[in-house]
C-alpha atoms as a PDB file:
ATOM      1  CA  MET A   1       6.848-125.882  61.222  1.00  0.00           C
ATOM      2  CA  PHE A   2      10.359-125.310  61.855  1.00  0.00           C
ATOM      3  CA  LEU A   3      11.407-127.919  59.208  1.00  0.00           C
ATOM      4  CA  LYS A   4       9.539-126.206  56.628  1.00  0.00           C
ATOM      5  CA  GLN A   5      10.575-122.688  57.202  1.00  0.00           C
ATOM      6  CA  LEU A   6      13.820-123.995  56.863  1.00  0.00           C
ATOM      7  CA  SER A   7      13.324-126.204  54.013  1.00  0.00           C
ATOM      8  CA  THR A   8      11.913-122.970  52.172  1.00  0.00           C
ATOM      9  CA  TYR A   9      14.365-120.687  53.346  1.00  0.00           C
ATOM     10  CA  GLN A  10      17.416-123.388  52.016  1.00  0.00           C
ATOM     11  CA  GLN A  11      15.572-123.405  48.812  1.00  0.00           C
ATOM     12  CA  TYR A  12      16.992-119.892  48.069  1.00  0.00           C
ATOM     13  CA  HIS A  13      20.193-120.458  49.603  1.00  0.00           C
ATOM     14  CA  GLN A  14      21.914-123.620  47.698  1.00  0.00           C
ATOM     15  CA  LYS A  15      25.443-122.391  46.796  1.00  0.00           C
ATOM     16  CA  PHE A  16      28.290-122.145  49.374  1.00  0.00           C
ATOM     17  CA  PHE A  17      28.871-118.880  48.285  1.00  0.00           C
ATOM     18  CA  THR A  18      25.576-117.671  49.018  1.00  0.00           C
ATOM     19  CA  LYS A  19      25.652-118.938  52.658  1.00  0.00           C
ATOM     20  CA  ILE A  20      29.001-117.080  53.029  1.00  0.00           C
ATOM     21  CA  THR A  21      27.422-113.767  51.481  1.00  0.00           C
ATOM     22  CA  HIS A  22      24.597-114.079  53.905  1.00  0.00           C
ATOM     23  CA  LEU A  23      26.859-114.919  56.901  1.00  0.00           C
ATOM     24  CA  ILE A  24      28.496-111.505  56.588  1.00  0.00           C
ATOM     25  CA  GLY A  25      25.293-109.513  54.939  1.00  0.00           C
ATOM     26  CA  VAL A  26      22.789-111.039  57.812  1.00  0.00           C
ATOM     27  CA  PRO A  27      24.740-110.114  60.829  1.00  0.00           C
ATOM     28  CA  LEU A  28      25.602-106.536  59.195  1.00  0.00           C
ATOM     29  CA  ILE A  29      21.745-105.678  58.755  1.00  0.00           C
ATOM     30  CA  VAL A  30      20.628-106.871  62.178  1.00  0.00           C
ATOM     31  CA  PHE A  31      23.470-105.151  63.945  1.00  0.00           C
ATOM     32  CA  SER A  32      22.462-101.764  61.819  1.00  0.00           C
ATOM     33  CA  LEU A  33      18.991-102.452  62.772  1.00  0.00           C
ATOM     34  CA  MET A  34      19.828-102.601  66.367  1.00  0.00           C
ATOM     35  CA  ILE A  35      21.553 -99.091  66.166  1.00  0.00           C
ATOM     36  CA  VAL A  36      18.195 -97.600  65.123  1.00  0.00           C
ATOM     37  CA  PHE A  37      16.264 -99.913  67.721  1.00  0.00           C
ATOM     38  CA  ASN A  38      18.708 -98.361  70.591  1.00  0.00           C
ATOM     39  CA  TRP A  39      17.536 -94.782  69.450  1.00  0.00           C
ATOM     40  CA  VAL A  40      13.674 -96.027  70.550  1.00  0.00           C
ATOM     41  CA  GLY A  41      12.831 -96.025  74.358  1.00  0.00           C
ATOM     42  CA  ILE A  42      10.131 -97.873  75.389  1.00  0.00           C
ATOM     43  CA  THR A  43       8.675 -97.977  78.958  1.00  0.00           C
ATOM     44  CA  ILE A  44       6.895-100.917  80.778  1.00  0.00           C
ATOM     45  CA  HIS A  45       4.984 -99.693  83.843  1.00  0.00           C
ATOM     46  CA  GLY A  46       6.628-101.107  87.094  1.00  0.00           C
ATOM     47  CA  VAL A  47       9.774-102.087  85.271  1.00  0.00           C
ATOM     48  CA  GLY A  48      11.574 -99.052  83.867  1.00  0.00           C
ATOM     49  CA  SER A  49      12.713 -98.046  80.017  1.00  0.00           C
ATOM     50  CA  ALA A  50      14.998 -99.479  77.937  1.00  0.00           C
ATOM     51  CA  PRO A  51      16.000 -99.582  74.539  1.00  0.00           C
ATOM     52  CA  LEU A  52      13.732-101.287  72.168  1.00  0.00           C
ATOM     53  CA  THR A  53      16.432-103.366  70.845  1.00  0.00           C
ATOM     54  CA  TRP A  54      16.286-105.571  74.361  1.00  0.00           C
ATOM     55  CA  LEU A  55      12.665-106.219  73.900  1.00  0.00           C
ATOM     56  CA  VAL A  56      13.397-107.315  70.151  1.00  0.00           C
ATOM     57  CA  ILE A  57      15.955-109.656  71.155  1.00  0.00           C
ATOM     58  CA  VAL A  58      13.893-111.129  73.810  1.00  0.00           C
ATOM     59  CA  PHE A  59      10.885-111.915  71.342  1.00  0.00           C
ATOM     60  CA  LEU A  60      13.180-113.192  68.811  1.00  0.00           C
ATOM     61  CA  THR A  61      15.247-115.406  71.070  1.00  0.00           C
ATOM     62  CA  ALA A  62      11.879-116.778  72.801  1.00  0.00           C
ATOM     63  CA  TYR A  63      10.519-117.558  69.029  1.00  0.00           C
ATOM     64  CA  TYR A  64      13.941-119.028  67.866  1.00  0.00           C
ATOM     65  CA  CYS A  65      13.758-121.277  71.144  1.00  0.00           C
ATOM     66  CA  LEU A  66      10.417-122.630  70.042  1.00  0.00           C
ATOM     67  CA  LEU A  67      11.342-123.354  67.096  1.00  0.00           C
ATOM     68  CA  ASP A  68      14.581-125.214  68.484  1.00  0.00           C
ATOM     69  CA  TRP A  69      15.832-124.386  71.929  1.00  0.00           C
ATOM     70  CA  GLN A  70      19.697-125.027  71.216  1.00  0.00           C
ATOM     71  CA  LEU A  71      20.045-123.052  68.183  1.00  0.00           C
ATOM     72  CA  GLY A  72      17.277-120.307  69.779  1.00  0.00           C
ATOM     73  CA  LEU A  73      19.715-120.063  72.480  1.00  0.00           C
ATOM     74  CA  ILE A  74      22.961-119.888  70.257  1.00  0.00           C
ATOM     75  CA  THR A  75      21.116-117.313  67.766  1.00  0.00           C
ATOM     76  CA  GLY A  76      19.681-115.053  70.703  1.00  0.00           C
ATOM     77  CA  LEU A  77      23.683-115.152  72.191  1.00  0.00           C
ATOM     78  CA  ALA A  78      24.573-113.847  68.694  1.00  0.00           C
ATOM     79  CA  LEU A  79      21.693-111.445  68.937  1.00  0.00           C
ATOM     80  CA  LEU A  80      22.924-110.234  72.189  1.00  0.00           C
ATOM     81  CA  GLY A  81      26.531-109.896  71.244  1.00  0.00           C
ATOM     82  CA  LEU A  82      25.568-107.569  68.203  1.00  0.00           C
ATOM     83  CA  ALA A  83      23.306-105.467  70.245  1.00  0.00           C
ATOM     84  CA  MET A  84      25.730-105.259  73.168  1.00  0.00           C
ATOM     85  CA  ILE A  85      28.347-104.108  70.308  1.00  0.00           C
ATOM     86  CA  SER A  86      25.786-101.228  69.084  1.00  0.00           C
ATOM     87  CA  PHE A  87      24.804-100.389  72.346  1.00  0.00           C
ATOM     88  CA  PHE A  88      28.372 -99.585  74.112  1.00  0.00           C
ATOM     89  CA  TRP A  89      29.957 -98.669  70.921  1.00  0.00           C
ATOM     90  CA  LEU A  90      27.285 -96.311  69.697  1.00  0.00           C
ATOM     91  CA  GLY A  91      25.157 -95.371  72.824  1.00  0.00           C
ATOM     92  CA  ILE A  92      21.489 -94.810  72.439  1.00  0.00           C
ATOM     93  CA  ILE A  93      21.340 -91.151  71.296  1.00  0.00           C
ATOM     94  CA  PRO A  94      21.501 -90.626  67.906  1.00  0.00           C
ATOM     95  CA  SER A  95      24.310 -88.969  66.192  1.00  0.00           C
ATOM     96  CA  HIS A  96      26.049 -88.270  63.156  1.00  0.00           C
ATOM     97  CA  HIS A  97      28.663 -91.046  63.456  1.00  0.00           C
ATOM     98  CA  SER A  98      25.791 -93.646  65.026  1.00  0.00           C
ATOM     99  CA  PHE A  99      23.646 -92.572  61.762  1.00  0.00           C
ATOM    100  CA  TYR A 100      26.616 -93.266  59.570  1.00  0.00           C
ATOM    101  CA  VAL A 101      27.342 -96.515  61.100  1.00  0.00           C
ATOM    102  CA  PHE A 102      23.860 -97.755  60.746  1.00  0.00           C
ATOM    103  CA  LEU A 103      24.016 -96.444  57.024  1.00  0.00           C
ATOM    104  CA  ILE A 104      26.962 -98.289  55.893  1.00  0.00           C
ATOM    105  CA  CYS A 105      26.297-101.453  57.708  1.00  0.00           C
ATOM    106  CA  PHE A 106      22.703-101.626  56.185  1.00  0.00           C
ATOM    107  CA  ILE A 107      23.836-100.916  52.872  1.00  0.00           C
ATOM    108  CA  VAL A 108      26.893-102.821  52.580  1.00  0.00           C
ATOM    109  CA  GLY A 109      24.940-105.818  54.113  1.00  0.00           C
ATOM    110  CA  TRP A 110      22.319-105.713  51.528  1.00  0.00           C
ATOM    111  CA  ILE A 111      25.128-105.715  48.742  1.00  0.00           C
ATOM    112  CA  PHE A 112      26.213-108.809  50.148  1.00  0.00           C
ATOM    113  CA  GLN A 113      22.605-110.096  50.294  1.00  0.00           C
ATOM    114  CA  ILE A 114      22.072-108.896  46.478  1.00  0.00           C
ATOM    115  CA  ILE A 115      25.378-110.520  45.540  1.00  0.00           C
ATOM    116  CA  GLY A 116      24.840-113.708  46.987  1.00  0.00           C
ATOM    117  CA  HIS A 117      21.237-114.066  45.257  1.00  0.00           C
ATOM    118  CA  LEU A 118      22.886-112.958  41.627  1.00  0.00           C
ATOM    119  CA  VAL A 119      25.292-115.599  42.184  1.00  0.00           C
ATOM    120  CA  GLU A 120      22.625-118.140  43.424  1.00  0.00           C
ATOM    121  CA  GLY A 121      20.282-116.900  40.692  1.00  0.00           C
ATOM    122  CA  LYS A 122      17.410-116.885  42.449  1.00  0.00           C
ATOM    123  CA  ARG A 123      15.683-113.855  44.169  1.00  0.00           C
ATOM    124  CA  PRO A 124      15.621-113.091  48.223  1.00  0.00           C
ATOM    125  CA  ALA A 125      13.173-115.470  50.163  1.00  0.00           C
ATOM    126  CA  LEU A 126      11.539-112.627  51.566  1.00  0.00           C
ATOM    127  CA  THR A 127      10.008-111.694  48.080  1.00  0.00           C
ATOM    128  CA  ASP A 128       7.541-114.813  48.321  1.00  0.00           C
ATOM    129  CA  ASN A 129       7.151-114.313  52.126  1.00  0.00           C
ATOM    130  CA  ILE A 130       8.372-111.388  54.028  1.00  0.00           C
ATOM    131  CA  TRP A 131       8.472-113.596  57.463  1.00  0.00           C
ATOM    132  CA  GLN A 132      11.158-115.290  56.002  1.00  0.00           C
ATOM    133  CA  ILE A 133      13.178-112.111  57.205  1.00  0.00           C
ATOM    134  CA  PHE A 134      13.007-113.736  60.760  1.00  0.00           C
ATOM    135  CA  THR A 135      14.472-117.220  59.597  1.00  0.00           C
ATOM    136  CA  ALA A 136      17.632-115.637  58.199  1.00  0.00           C
ATOM    137  CA  PRO A 137      19.236-115.360  61.671  1.00  0.00           C
ATOM    138  CA  ILE A 138      18.423-118.921  62.801  1.00  0.00           C
ATOM    139  CA  PHE A 139      19.648-120.322  59.650  1.00  0.00           C
ATOM    140  CA  LEU A 140      23.036-119.180  59.934  1.00  0.00           C
ATOM    141  CA  ALA A 141      23.086-121.017  63.106  1.00  0.00           C
ATOM    142  CA  VAL A 142      21.827-123.940  61.408  1.00  0.00           C
ATOM    143  CA  GLU A 143      24.552-123.609  58.604  1.00  0.00           C
ATOM    144  CA  ILE A 144      27.143-123.297  61.238  1.00  0.00           C
ATOM    145  CA  ALA A 145      25.730-126.157  63.358  1.00  0.00           C
ATOM    146  CA  PHE A 146      26.276-128.288  59.838  1.00  0.00           C
ATOM    147  CA  TRP A 147      29.403-126.923  59.181  1.00  0.00           C
ATOM    148  CA  CYS A 148      30.657-128.258  62.743  1.00  0.00           C
ATOM    149  CA  GLY A 149      29.013-131.712  62.319  1.00  0.00           C
ATOM    150  CA  LEU A 150      26.142-130.815  64.838  1.00  0.00           C
ATOM    151  CA  LYS A 151      22.321-131.065  64.505  1.00  0.00           C
ATOM    152  CA  GLN A 152      22.914-133.752  61.779  1.00  0.00           C
ATOM    153  CA  LYS A 153      19.379-135.481  62.260  1.00  0.00           C
ATOM    154  CA  LEU A 154      18.009-131.920  61.265  1.00  0.00           C
ATOM    155  CA  LYS A 155      20.285-131.962  58.354  1.00  0.00           C
ATOM    156  CA  TRP A 156      19.143-135.281  57.074  1.00  0.00           C
ATOM    157  CA  LYS A 157      15.344-134.298  57.514  1.00  0.00           C
ATOM    158  CA  LEU A 158      16.093-131.354  55.711  1.00  0.00           C
ATOM    159  CA  GLN A 159      17.972-133.485  52.918  1.00  0.00           C
ATOM    160  CA  GLU A 160      14.625-135.918  52.599  1.00  0.00           C
ATOM    161  CA  PRO A 161      12.579-135.346  49.655  1.00  0.00           C
ATOM    162  CA  ALA A 162       9.354-133.835  50.380  1.00  0.00           C
END
């Protein structure tokens, strides 16, 4: 399943430039969404309340760990880092400042994504399958692992003809 998801995502992201634009754009978009998720509180009976951000991180990290536990943990830590920045810098109360940071990060993140796909000459993967949006963060972890010489077995499997 993981190999198929990565293979599909990789087909839309072949050029190094596109990968770099996504390395900037995806975290900006994720960060912007965490700002909004911080504004939404959830209550779990018998436990207490917390911003939605923390629940999203738990579920995404669990999902990513099911795909590949090492890359899942790395991606989860990256998500946690972005969440902590949004939480401690901007807080959980909506303000003009936090709204503008959200808006700027969201728009700039998508500009990077669009530029990458214009250079790539392919539309975003999410236009064919909206669920590909969840593959983007772990795909970045995969690419960074490859650049560092890690996960070579996975890299070879992705390069094998289907």
